[in-house]
């Protein structure tokens, strides 16, 4: 039932994306590119129904990179990356100026801790996270020099979905997505969905520190 509801949400989202993209095409000059709240929420806390992650508190350099990747077709073009496919047309019309404006706008949102929805073996997750810490930091605080975003505080359901996408090669498959390719390789160390839930449950504990 949960998967059916998610598919319905995704279908509705794709229809709204099509409508908004058409509006952007026909009214490019006066069109307002600040429509992130439609899916990511007015307060930027994310929306599980359409798998739109929390933006409030996310690093500006990471937001820029992802928007540029979506715009360039480096992300969101794999036929089984449902959420990425929904996001890609939202970014394809953005200019560099629009991206800078959006990132500055999002940077002013207040961070509100994400609700914990994922359960797993935290002890096992801590062991698995050792490999992740090399890039994302001991406290999952992120590392700009290595291009690794913060994980602590992000919606846990989003982390689960993206790790599944990396593991299934839906994300990080593009030859120009060097960071995504690294993550695709690292995700394989989690082995299966149980490993994903375990490591994400441990990351949840880091957000509380």
N, C-alpha and C. Protein backbone atom coordinates (compact mmCIF):
# COMPACT_ATOMS: atom_id res chain seq x y z
N UNK A 1 0.82 -1.21 0.00
CA UNK A 1 0.00 0.00 0.00
C UNK A 1 0.86 1.27 0.00
N UNK A 2 1.95 1.24 0.82
CA UNK A 2 2.82 2.40 0.88
C UNK A 2 3.45 2.69 -0.47
N UNK A 3 3.84 1.61 -1.19
CA UNK A 3 4.45 1.79 -2.50
C UNK A 3 3.43 2.34 -3.50
N UNK A 4 2.19 1.89 -3.41
CA UNK A 4 1.13 2.38 -4.30
C UNK A 4 0.91 3.87 -4.08
N UNK A 5 0.85 4.28 -2.80
CA UNK A 5 0.66 5.70 -2.48
C UNK A 5 1.83 6.52 -2.99
N UNK A 6 3.02 5.98 -2.82
CA UNK A 6 4.20 6.69 -3.30
C UNK A 6 4.15 6.86 -4.80
N UNK A 7 3.74 5.81 -5.51
CA UNK A 7 3.64 5.90 -6.97
C UNK A 7 2.61 6.94 -7.40
N UNK A 8 1.50 7.02 -6.65
CA UNK A 8 0.47 8.01 -6.95
C UNK A 8 1.00 9.42 -6.73
N UNK A 9 1.73 9.60 -5.61
CA UNK A 9 2.32 10.90 -5.33
C UNK A 9 3.30 11.28 -6.45
N UNK A 10 4.10 10.31 -6.86
CA UNK A 10 5.10 10.57 -7.90
C UNK A 10 4.44 10.93 -9.22
N UNK A 11 3.35 10.23 -9.57
CA UNK A 11 2.63 10.53 -10.80
C UNK A 11 2.07 11.94 -10.76
N UNK A 12 1.48 12.31 -9.63
CA UNK A 12 0.93 13.66 -9.49
C UNK A 12 2.04 14.70 -9.60
N UNK A 13 3.19 14.36 -9.01
CA UNK A 13 4.33 15.28 -9.07
C UNK A 13 4.82 15.46 -10.49
N UNK A 14 4.94 14.35 -11.22
CA UNK A 14 5.40 14.44 -12.60
C UNK A 14 4.46 15.28 -13.46
N UNK A 15 3.16 15.16 -13.20
CA UNK A 15 2.19 15.96 -13.95
C UNK A 15 2.37 17.45 -13.62
N UNK A 16 2.63 17.75 -12.33
CA UNK A 16 2.83 19.15 -11.95
C UNK A 16 4.12 19.68 -12.54
N UNK A 17 5.15 18.82 -12.61
CA UNK A 17 6.42 19.20 -13.21
C UNK A 17 6.23 19.57 -14.66
N UNK A 18 5.46 18.74 -15.38
CA UNK A 18 5.21 18.98 -16.80
C UNK A 18 4.52 20.33 -16.99
N UNK A 19 3.55 20.61 -16.14
CA UNK A 19 2.82 21.87 -16.24
C UNK A 19 3.72 23.06 -15.95
N UNK A 20 4.54 22.93 -14.90
CA UNK A 20 5.41 24.04 -14.53
C UNK A 20 6.51 24.25 -15.55
N UNK A 21 7.02 23.18 -16.13
CA UNK A 21 8.05 23.29 -17.14
C UNK A 21 7.51 23.99 -18.38
N UNK A 22 6.27 23.68 -18.72
CA UNK A 22 5.63 24.33 -19.87
C UNK A 22 5.48 25.83 -19.61
N UNK A 23 5.12 26.16 -18.37
CA UNK A 23 4.97 27.57 -18.01
C UNK A 23 6.32 28.28 -18.11
N UNK A 24 7.37 27.59 -17.65
CA UNK A 24 8.71 28.18 -17.71
C UNK A 24 9.13 28.41 -19.15
N UNK A 25 8.77 27.49 -20.04
CA UNK A 25 9.13 27.60 -21.44
C UNK A 25 8.41 28.76 -22.12
N UNK A 26 7.13 28.92 -21.80
CA UNK A 26 6.33 29.93 -22.48
C UNK A 26 6.51 31.32 -21.87
N UNK A 27 6.91 31.39 -20.60
CA UNK A 27 7.04 32.69 -19.94
C UNK A 27 8.41 32.80 -19.28
N UNK A 28 9.46 32.50 -20.02
CA UNK A 28 10.78 32.39 -19.42
C UNK A 28 11.22 33.66 -18.71
N UNK A 29 11.04 34.80 -19.29
CA UNK A 29 11.57 36.02 -18.70
C UNK A 29 10.99 36.34 -17.32
N UNK A 30 9.63 36.38 -17.18
CA UNK A 30 9.09 36.76 -15.88
C UNK A 30 8.92 35.57 -14.93
N UNK A 31 9.31 34.35 -15.35
CA UNK A 31 9.02 33.17 -14.54
C UNK A 31 9.86 33.15 -13.28
N UNK A 32 9.23 32.86 -12.15
CA UNK A 32 9.89 32.80 -10.86
C UNK A 32 10.46 31.40 -10.65
N UNK A 33 11.79 31.28 -10.53
CA UNK A 33 12.42 29.98 -10.36
C UNK A 33 12.39 29.50 -8.92
N UNK A 34 11.84 30.29 -8.02
CA UNK A 34 11.80 29.89 -6.62
C UNK A 34 10.55 29.04 -6.34
N UNK A 35 10.47 27.88 -6.99
CA UNK A 35 9.31 27.01 -6.79
C UNK A 35 9.68 25.74 -6.03
N UNK A 36 10.82 25.75 -5.36
CA UNK A 36 11.28 24.56 -4.61
C UNK A 36 10.28 24.13 -3.55
N UNK A 37 9.59 25.11 -2.96
CA UNK A 37 8.67 24.81 -1.86
C UNK A 37 7.50 23.94 -2.30
N UNK A 38 7.22 23.90 -3.59
CA UNK A 38 6.11 23.07 -4.09
C UNK A 38 6.27 21.63 -3.64
N UNK A 39 7.49 21.13 -3.67
CA UNK A 39 7.75 19.74 -3.28
C UNK A 39 8.55 19.61 -1.99
N UNK A 40 9.48 20.53 -1.78
CA UNK A 40 10.37 20.42 -0.62
C UNK A 40 9.77 21.03 0.65
N UNK A 41 8.60 21.65 0.52
CA UNK A 41 7.93 22.21 1.68
C UNK A 41 8.25 23.67 1.91
N UNK A 42 7.28 24.41 2.45
CA UNK A 42 7.44 25.83 2.68
C UNK A 42 8.59 26.13 3.64
N UNK A 43 8.87 25.20 4.53
CA UNK A 43 9.95 25.39 5.49
C UNK A 43 11.19 24.59 5.12
N UNK A 44 11.16 23.96 3.95
CA UNK A 44 12.32 23.23 3.46
C UNK A 44 12.62 21.95 4.21
N UNK A 45 11.61 21.38 4.87
CA UNK A 45 11.84 20.16 5.66
C UNK A 45 11.72 18.88 4.84
N UNK A 46 11.32 18.99 3.58
CA UNK A 46 11.21 17.81 2.73
C UNK A 46 9.81 17.23 2.72
N UNK A 47 9.60 16.31 1.79
CA UNK A 47 8.28 15.69 1.61
C UNK A 47 8.48 14.24 1.21
N UNK A 48 8.21 13.33 2.14
CA UNK A 48 8.44 11.91 1.87
C UNK A 48 7.55 11.40 0.74
N UNK A 49 6.34 11.95 0.60
CA UNK A 49 5.41 11.48 -0.42
C UNK A 49 5.98 11.53 -1.82
N UNK A 50 6.78 12.57 -2.11
CA UNK A 50 7.40 12.70 -3.43
C UNK A 50 8.92 12.56 -3.34
N UNK A 51 9.40 12.08 -2.18
CA UNK A 51 10.83 11.85 -1.96
C UNK A 51 11.66 13.11 -2.23
N UNK A 52 11.12 14.25 -1.82
CA UNK A 52 11.85 15.51 -1.96
C UNK A 52 12.57 15.78 -0.64
N UNK A 53 13.90 15.82 -0.63
CA UNK A 53 14.64 15.91 0.63
C UNK A 53 14.60 17.28 1.29
N UNK A 54 15.05 17.29 2.53
CA UNK A 54 15.20 18.54 3.26
C UNK A 54 16.26 19.38 2.58
N UNK A 55 15.95 20.66 2.36
CA UNK A 55 16.91 21.60 1.80
C UNK A 55 17.44 22.56 2.86
N UNK A 56 16.61 22.88 3.84
CA UNK A 56 17.03 23.78 4.91
C UNK A 56 18.23 23.21 5.63
N UNK A 57 19.31 23.98 5.67
CA UNK A 57 20.52 23.54 6.34
C UNK A 57 21.50 22.82 5.43
N UNK A 58 21.09 22.52 4.21
CA UNK A 58 22.00 21.83 3.28
C UNK A 58 23.08 22.80 2.80
N UNK A 59 24.27 22.28 2.57
CA UNK A 59 25.40 23.12 2.16
C UNK A 59 25.15 23.76 0.80
N UNK A 60 25.53 25.04 0.68
CA UNK A 60 25.29 25.75 -0.58
C UNK A 60 26.09 25.14 -1.73
N UNK A 61 27.33 24.72 -1.47
CA UNK A 61 28.15 24.16 -2.55
C UNK A 61 27.57 22.85 -3.06
N UNK A 62 26.95 22.09 -2.17
CA UNK A 62 26.36 20.82 -2.59
C UNK A 62 25.08 21.06 -3.39
N UNK A 63 24.29 22.02 -2.97
CA UNK A 63 23.08 22.37 -3.71
C UNK A 63 23.43 22.83 -5.12
N UNK A 64 24.45 23.67 -5.23
CA UNK A 64 24.88 24.15 -6.54
C UNK A 64 25.29 22.98 -7.43
N UNK A 65 26.09 22.06 -6.88
CA UNK A 65 26.55 20.93 -7.68
C UNK A 65 25.41 20.05 -8.16
N UNK A 66 24.44 19.80 -7.28
CA UNK A 66 23.34 18.94 -7.67
C UNK A 66 22.43 19.61 -8.70
N UNK A 67 22.16 20.89 -8.52
CA UNK A 67 21.33 21.60 -9.50
C UNK A 67 22.03 21.64 -10.86
N UNK A 68 23.34 21.85 -10.85
CA UNK A 68 24.08 21.85 -12.11
C UNK A 68 24.08 20.47 -12.74
N UNK A 69 24.18 19.43 -11.91
CA UNK A 69 24.15 18.06 -12.45
C UNK A 69 22.79 17.71 -13.05
N UNK A 70 21.73 18.12 -12.36
CA UNK A 70 20.39 17.90 -12.91
C UNK A 70 20.23 18.66 -14.22
N UNK A 71 20.68 19.91 -14.25
CA UNK A 71 20.55 20.74 -15.44
C UNK A 71 21.31 20.14 -16.63
N UNK A 72 22.48 19.59 -16.36
CA UNK A 72 23.33 19.05 -17.42
C UNK A 72 22.96 17.63 -17.82
N UNK A 73 21.99 17.02 -17.12
CA UNK A 73 21.61 15.65 -17.43
C UNK A 73 22.56 14.62 -16.84
N UNK A 74 23.43 15.06 -15.93
CA UNK A 74 24.35 14.14 -15.26
C UNK A 74 23.62 13.36 -14.18
N UNK A 75 22.59 13.95 -13.64
CA UNK A 75 21.74 13.28 -12.66
C UNK A 75 20.28 13.40 -13.09
N UNK A 76 19.51 12.36 -12.79
CA UNK A 76 18.09 12.41 -13.08
C UNK A 76 17.71 11.95 -14.47
N UNK A 77 18.56 11.17 -15.12
CA UNK A 77 18.24 10.70 -16.47
C UNK A 77 18.17 9.18 -16.57
N UNK A 78 18.57 8.47 -15.51
CA UNK A 78 18.44 7.01 -15.55
C UNK A 78 16.95 6.66 -15.52
N UNK A 79 16.48 5.79 -16.40
CA UNK A 79 15.05 5.50 -16.50
C UNK A 79 14.40 4.95 -15.24
N UNK A 80 15.20 4.43 -14.30
CA UNK A 80 14.62 3.90 -13.07
C UNK A 80 14.84 4.81 -11.86
N UNK A 81 15.43 5.96 -12.11
CA UNK A 81 15.59 6.96 -11.04
C UNK A 81 14.36 7.85 -11.05
N UNK A 82 13.27 7.35 -10.49
CA UNK A 82 11.97 8.03 -10.56
C UNK A 82 12.04 9.44 -9.99
N UNK A 83 12.61 9.58 -8.80
CA UNK A 83 12.66 10.89 -8.16
C UNK A 83 13.59 11.84 -8.93
N UNK A 84 14.70 11.31 -9.42
CA UNK A 84 15.61 12.14 -10.19
C UNK A 84 15.00 12.62 -11.49
N UNK A 85 14.23 11.75 -12.13
CA UNK A 85 13.56 12.12 -13.38
C UNK A 85 12.56 13.25 -13.13
N UNK A 86 11.93 13.22 -11.96
CA UNK A 86 10.97 14.28 -11.62
C UNK A 86 11.69 15.60 -11.39
N UNK A 87 12.89 15.55 -10.84
CA UNK A 87 13.63 16.77 -10.51
C UNK A 87 14.34 17.37 -11.72
N UNK A 88 14.80 16.54 -12.61
CA UNK A 88 15.64 17.01 -13.72
C UNK A 88 15.02 18.13 -14.55
N UNK A 89 13.75 18.03 -14.95
CA UNK A 89 13.17 19.12 -15.74
C UNK A 89 12.97 20.41 -14.95
N UNK A 90 12.98 20.29 -13.62
CA UNK A 90 12.86 21.50 -12.81
C UNK A 90 14.14 22.33 -12.86
N UNK A 91 15.27 21.65 -13.11
CA UNK A 91 16.56 22.33 -13.11
C UNK A 91 17.06 22.68 -14.51
N UNK A 92 16.54 22.00 -15.53
CA UNK A 92 17.11 22.14 -16.87
C UNK A 92 16.99 23.56 -17.41
N UNK A 93 16.00 24.32 -16.97
CA UNK A 93 15.81 25.68 -17.47
C UNK A 93 16.54 26.74 -16.64
N UNK A 94 17.17 26.32 -15.54
CA UNK A 94 17.80 27.28 -14.65
C UNK A 94 19.08 27.86 -15.25
N UNK A 95 19.27 29.15 -15.04
CA UNK A 95 20.52 29.80 -15.43
C UNK A 95 21.46 29.77 -14.23
N UNK A 96 22.72 30.13 -14.44
CA UNK A 96 23.65 30.21 -13.33
C UNK A 96 23.16 31.22 -12.30
N UNK A 97 22.56 32.31 -12.79
CA UNK A 97 22.04 33.33 -11.89
C UNK A 97 20.87 32.80 -11.07
N UNK A 98 20.01 32.00 -11.71
CA UNK A 98 18.87 31.41 -11.01
C UNK A 98 19.34 30.46 -9.91
N UNK A 99 20.34 29.66 -10.22
CA UNK A 99 20.87 28.72 -9.24
C UNK A 99 21.46 29.47 -8.05
N UNK A 100 22.22 30.51 -8.33
CA UNK A 100 22.81 31.31 -7.24
C UNK A 100 21.72 31.94 -6.38
N UNK A 101 20.66 32.42 -7.02
CA UNK A 101 19.56 33.04 -6.29
C UNK A 101 18.84 32.02 -5.42
N UNK A 102 18.58 30.84 -5.98
CA UNK A 102 17.88 29.79 -5.22
C UNK A 102 18.70 29.36 -4.01
N UNK A 103 19.99 29.17 -4.21
CA UNK A 103 20.86 28.72 -3.12
C UNK A 103 20.92 29.76 -2.02
N UNK A 104 20.99 31.03 -2.40
CA UNK A 104 21.00 32.10 -1.39
C UNK A 104 19.67 32.14 -0.64
N UNK A 105 18.58 31.96 -1.35
CA UNK A 105 17.25 31.94 -0.76
C UNK A 105 17.09 30.78 0.21
N UNK A 106 17.48 29.60 -0.22
CA UNK A 106 17.38 28.41 0.62
C UNK A 106 18.28 28.54 1.85
N UNK A 107 19.42 29.22 1.68
CA UNK A 107 20.35 29.40 2.79
C UNK A 107 19.77 30.19 3.94
N UNK A 108 18.69 30.90 3.69
CA UNK A 108 18.06 31.70 4.75
C UNK A 108 17.00 30.95 5.52
N UNK A 109 16.71 29.70 5.12
CA UNK A 109 15.69 28.92 5.81
C UNK A 109 16.22 28.38 7.13
N UNK A 110 15.35 28.27 8.10
CA UNK A 110 15.72 27.76 9.42
C UNK A 110 15.74 26.24 9.41
N UNK A 111 16.84 25.67 9.91
CA UNK A 111 16.92 24.21 9.97
C UNK A 111 16.10 23.69 11.14
N UNK A 112 15.26 22.71 10.85
CA UNK A 112 14.46 22.03 11.86
C UNK A 112 14.83 20.55 11.81
N UNK A 113 15.24 19.94 12.93
CA UNK A 113 15.66 18.54 12.92
C UNK A 113 14.64 17.63 12.24
N UNK A 114 15.15 16.71 11.43
CA UNK A 114 14.28 15.77 10.70
C UNK A 114 13.73 14.71 11.64
N UNK A 115 12.52 14.28 11.36
CA UNK A 115 11.88 13.22 12.14
C UNK A 115 12.54 11.88 11.82
N UNK A 116 12.75 11.06 12.84
CA UNK A 116 13.35 9.75 12.64
C UNK A 116 12.27 8.75 12.25
N UNK A 117 12.46 8.10 11.10
CA UNK A 117 11.47 7.14 10.60
C UNK A 117 12.08 5.77 10.30
N UNK A 118 13.41 5.67 10.32
CA UNK A 118 14.09 4.43 9.96
C UNK A 118 14.66 3.75 11.20
N UNK A 119 14.42 2.45 11.30
CA UNK A 119 14.96 1.67 12.41
C UNK A 119 15.92 0.62 11.89
N UNK A 120 16.96 0.35 12.66
CA UNK A 120 17.93 -0.66 12.27
C UNK A 120 18.84 -0.98 13.43
N UNK A 121 19.86 -1.77 13.18
CA UNK A 121 20.84 -2.15 14.18
C UNK A 121 21.91 -1.06 14.22
N UNK A 122 21.83 -0.17 15.21
CA UNK A 122 22.75 0.96 15.27
C UNK A 122 24.20 0.52 15.47
N UNK A 123 24.41 -0.54 16.25
CA UNK A 123 25.77 -1.03 16.48
C UNK A 123 26.39 -1.53 15.18
N UNK A 124 25.62 -2.30 14.43
CA UNK A 124 26.09 -2.77 13.13
C UNK A 124 26.26 -1.60 12.17
N UNK A 125 25.36 -0.65 12.27
CA UNK A 125 25.44 0.53 11.42
C UNK A 125 26.70 1.34 11.70
N UNK A 126 27.10 1.41 12.96
CA UNK A 126 28.33 2.12 13.31
C UNK A 126 29.55 1.47 12.66
N UNK A 127 29.56 0.16 12.62
CA UNK A 127 30.66 -0.56 11.98
C UNK A 127 30.69 -0.26 10.48
N UNK A 128 29.51 -0.27 9.87
CA UNK A 128 29.43 -0.01 8.44
C UNK A 128 29.80 1.43 8.12
N UNK A 129 29.50 2.34 9.04
CA UNK A 129 29.74 3.76 8.78
C UNK A 129 31.23 4.11 8.76
N UNK A 130 32.07 3.23 9.27
CA UNK A 130 33.51 3.50 9.28
C UNK A 130 34.02 3.88 7.89
N UNK A 131 33.57 3.17 6.87
CA UNK A 131 33.99 3.48 5.50
C UNK A 131 33.43 4.83 5.04
N UNK A 132 32.22 5.14 5.47
CA UNK A 132 31.58 6.41 5.08
C UNK A 132 32.30 7.61 5.70
N UNK A 133 32.80 7.41 6.93
CA UNK A 133 33.43 8.50 7.68
C UNK A 133 34.65 9.07 6.98
N UNK A 134 35.30 8.27 6.15
CA UNK A 134 36.50 8.74 5.46
C UNK A 134 36.21 9.98 4.62
N UNK A 135 35.00 10.09 4.10
CA UNK A 135 34.62 11.26 3.29
C UNK A 135 33.62 12.16 4.01
N UNK A 136 32.61 11.55 4.63
CA UNK A 136 31.52 12.33 5.22
C UNK A 136 31.79 12.79 6.65
N UNK A 137 32.90 12.35 7.24
CA UNK A 137 33.27 12.79 8.58
C UNK A 137 32.77 11.87 9.67
N UNK A 138 33.47 11.86 10.81
CA UNK A 138 33.12 11.00 11.92
C UNK A 138 31.72 11.27 12.45
N UNK A 139 31.29 12.51 12.39
CA UNK A 139 29.96 12.88 12.86
C UNK A 139 29.00 13.11 11.71
N UNK A 140 29.36 12.63 10.53
CA UNK A 140 28.54 12.79 9.32
C UNK A 140 28.27 14.26 9.03
N UNK A 141 29.29 15.09 9.35
CA UNK A 141 29.16 16.53 9.19
C UNK A 141 29.47 17.00 7.78
N UNK A 142 30.01 16.11 6.95
CA UNK A 142 30.33 16.47 5.57
C UNK A 142 31.73 17.02 5.43
N UNK A 143 32.22 17.08 4.19
CA UNK A 143 33.56 17.58 3.92
C UNK A 143 33.57 18.19 2.53
N UNK A 144 33.57 19.51 2.47
CA UNK A 144 33.52 20.19 1.17
C UNK A 144 34.73 19.86 0.31
N UNK A 145 35.92 19.75 0.93
CA UNK A 145 37.14 19.48 0.18
C UNK A 145 37.05 18.16 -0.57
N UNK A 146 36.30 17.20 -0.01
CA UNK A 146 36.14 15.89 -0.65
C UNK A 146 34.83 15.79 -1.42
N UNK A 147 34.05 16.88 -1.43
CA UNK A 147 32.78 16.88 -2.15
C UNK A 147 31.72 16.02 -1.50
N UNK A 148 31.88 15.73 -0.20
CA UNK A 148 30.95 14.85 0.52
C UNK A 148 30.01 15.68 1.39
N UNK A 149 28.72 15.63 1.15
CA UNK A 149 27.77 16.43 1.93
C UNK A 149 27.55 15.87 3.33
N UNK A 150 27.00 16.70 4.20
CA UNK A 150 26.61 16.24 5.53
C UNK A 150 25.47 15.25 5.39
N UNK A 151 25.49 14.24 6.20
CA UNK A 151 24.42 13.24 6.22
C UNK A 151 23.57 13.38 7.48
N UNK A 152 24.21 13.76 8.57
CA UNK A 152 23.49 13.92 9.83
C UNK A 152 22.43 15.02 9.69
N UNK A 153 21.21 14.71 10.07
CA UNK A 153 20.14 15.69 10.01
C UNK A 153 19.32 15.65 8.74
N UNK A 154 19.79 14.91 7.73
CA UNK A 154 19.00 14.77 6.51
C UNK A 154 17.86 13.78 6.77
N UNK A 155 16.80 13.89 5.99
CA UNK A 155 15.68 12.95 6.14
C UNK A 155 16.19 11.53 5.97
N UNK A 156 15.95 10.68 6.96
CA UNK A 156 16.48 9.31 6.88
C UNK A 156 15.86 8.52 5.74
N UNK A 157 14.58 8.76 5.43
CA UNK A 157 13.94 8.05 4.32
C UNK A 157 14.60 8.43 2.99
N UNK A 158 15.07 9.67 2.89
CA UNK A 158 15.75 10.09 1.67
C UNK A 158 17.11 9.41 1.55
N UNK A 159 17.83 9.31 2.66
CA UNK A 159 19.12 8.62 2.64
C UNK A 159 18.95 7.17 2.21
N UNK A 160 17.91 6.52 2.71
CA UNK A 160 17.64 5.13 2.35
C UNK A 160 17.40 5.02 0.84
N UNK A 161 16.54 5.88 0.31
CA UNK A 161 16.21 5.84 -1.12
C UNK A 161 17.45 6.06 -1.98
N UNK A 162 18.27 7.05 -1.61
CA UNK A 162 19.43 7.36 -2.43
C UNK A 162 20.49 6.26 -2.35
N UNK A 163 20.67 5.66 -1.18
CA UNK A 163 21.60 4.54 -1.06
C UNK A 163 21.13 3.35 -1.90
N UNK A 164 19.83 3.13 -1.91
CA UNK A 164 19.28 2.07 -2.77
C UNK A 164 19.55 2.39 -4.24
N UNK A 165 19.39 3.66 -4.61
CA UNK A 165 19.63 4.05 -6.00
C UNK A 165 21.09 3.88 -6.39
N UNK A 166 21.99 4.25 -5.48
CA UNK A 166 23.42 4.05 -5.76
C UNK A 166 23.72 2.56 -5.89
N UNK A 167 23.18 1.76 -4.96
CA UNK A 167 23.45 0.33 -4.97
C UNK A 167 22.93 -0.35 -6.23
N UNK A 168 21.80 0.14 -6.74
CA UNK A 168 21.19 -0.43 -7.95
C UNK A 168 21.73 0.19 -9.23
N UNK A 169 22.69 1.13 -9.09
CA UNK A 169 23.30 1.82 -10.23
C UNK A 169 22.34 2.77 -10.94
N UNK A 170 21.28 3.19 -10.25
CA UNK A 170 20.37 4.17 -10.84
C UNK A 170 20.96 5.57 -10.72
N UNK A 171 21.74 5.78 -9.67
CA UNK A 171 22.40 7.07 -9.48
C UNK A 171 23.90 6.84 -9.51
N UNK A 172 24.62 7.78 -10.10
CA UNK A 172 26.07 7.66 -10.21
C UNK A 172 26.51 6.88 -11.44
N UNK A 173 25.59 6.67 -12.39
CA UNK A 173 25.94 5.89 -13.58
C UNK A 173 26.53 6.75 -14.68
N UNK A 174 26.29 8.07 -14.62
CA UNK A 174 26.77 8.95 -15.69
C UNK A 174 28.29 9.09 -15.60
N UNK A 175 29.00 9.01 -16.72
CA UNK A 175 30.47 9.08 -16.70
C UNK A 175 31.02 10.40 -16.15
N UNK A 176 30.24 11.47 -16.19
CA UNK A 176 30.70 12.76 -15.68
C UNK A 176 30.37 12.97 -14.21
N UNK A 177 29.69 12.01 -13.60
CA UNK A 177 29.33 12.13 -12.19
C UNK A 177 30.39 11.41 -11.35
N UNK A 178 31.55 12.03 -11.18
CA UNK A 178 32.66 11.38 -10.48
C UNK A 178 32.33 11.10 -9.02
N UNK A 179 31.67 12.04 -8.36
CA UNK A 179 31.30 11.83 -6.96
C UNK A 179 30.25 10.73 -6.85
N UNK A 180 29.31 10.73 -7.77
CA UNK A 180 28.27 9.71 -7.77
C UNK A 180 28.84 8.32 -8.01
N UNK A 181 29.85 8.24 -8.87
CA UNK A 181 30.48 6.96 -9.14
C UNK A 181 31.19 6.43 -7.90
N UNK A 182 31.81 7.34 -7.15
CA UNK A 182 32.45 6.93 -5.89
C UNK A 182 31.42 6.37 -4.92
N UNK A 183 30.29 7.07 -4.83
CA UNK A 183 29.24 6.62 -3.91
C UNK A 183 28.62 5.31 -4.37
N UNK A 184 28.51 5.14 -5.66
CA UNK A 184 27.95 3.89 -6.19
C UNK A 184 28.81 2.71 -5.77
N UNK A 185 30.13 2.91 -5.83
CA UNK A 185 31.07 1.86 -5.41
C UNK A 185 30.97 1.61 -3.91
N UNK A 186 30.97 2.70 -3.12
CA UNK A 186 30.94 2.57 -1.66
C UNK A 186 29.63 1.94 -1.17
N UNK A 187 28.53 2.19 -1.88
CA UNK A 187 27.24 1.67 -1.44
C UNK A 187 27.22 0.15 -1.45
N UNK A 188 28.04 -0.43 -2.30
CA UNK A 188 28.07 -1.89 -2.40
C UNK A 188 28.58 -2.54 -1.11
N UNK A 189 29.32 -1.77 -0.28
CA UNK A 189 29.83 -2.33 0.98
C UNK A 189 28.70 -2.57 1.98
N UNK A 190 27.55 -1.96 1.74
CA UNK A 190 26.40 -2.16 2.63
C UNK A 190 25.68 -3.47 2.33
N UNK A 191 25.96 -4.04 1.18
CA UNK A 191 25.52 -5.37 0.76
C UNK A 191 24.04 -5.44 0.38
N UNK A 192 23.15 -5.04 1.31
CA UNK A 192 21.73 -5.20 1.04
C UNK A 192 20.92 -4.12 1.77
N UNK A 193 19.59 -4.23 1.68
CA UNK A 193 18.71 -3.23 2.28
C UNK A 193 18.87 -3.18 3.80
N UNK A 194 19.15 -4.32 4.40
CA UNK A 194 19.36 -4.36 5.84
C UNK A 194 20.56 -3.50 6.23
N UNK A 195 21.62 -3.59 5.45
CA UNK A 195 22.80 -2.78 5.71
C UNK A 195 22.51 -1.30 5.57
N UNK A 196 21.69 -0.96 4.58
CA UNK A 196 21.30 0.44 4.39
C UNK A 196 20.55 0.96 5.61
N UNK A 197 19.58 0.20 6.08
CA UNK A 197 18.81 0.63 7.24
C UNK A 197 19.69 0.73 8.49
N UNK A 198 20.63 -0.18 8.62
CA UNK A 198 21.51 -0.15 9.78
C UNK A 198 22.39 1.10 9.79
N UNK A 199 22.99 1.41 8.66
CA UNK A 199 23.89 2.56 8.63
C UNK A 199 23.11 3.87 8.77
N UNK A 200 21.92 3.93 8.20
CA UNK A 200 21.11 5.15 8.32
C UNK A 200 20.62 5.32 9.76
N UNK A 201 20.30 4.22 10.42
CA UNK A 201 19.87 4.32 11.82
C UNK A 201 21.01 4.84 12.69
N UNK A 202 22.25 4.50 12.34
CA UNK A 202 23.39 5.03 13.08
C UNK A 202 23.58 6.51 12.77
N UNK A 203 23.44 6.90 11.52
CA UNK A 203 23.56 8.31 11.15
C UNK A 203 22.53 9.14 11.90
N UNK A 204 21.35 8.58 12.13
CA UNK A 204 20.33 9.28 12.92
C UNK A 204 20.84 9.64 14.31
N UNK A 205 21.66 8.80 14.90
CA UNK A 205 22.17 9.08 16.25
C UNK A 205 23.16 10.23 16.21
N UNK A 206 23.84 10.43 15.11
CA UNK A 206 24.81 11.51 14.98
C UNK A 206 24.13 12.86 14.89
N UNK A 207 22.94 12.86 14.33
CA UNK A 207 22.18 14.12 14.20
C UNK A 207 21.77 14.65 15.56
N UNK A 208 21.75 13.80 16.56
CA UNK A 208 21.31 14.20 17.89
C UNK A 208 22.45 14.78 18.72
N UNK A 209 23.70 14.70 18.23
CA UNK A 209 24.85 15.14 19.00
C UNK A 209 25.21 16.59 18.78
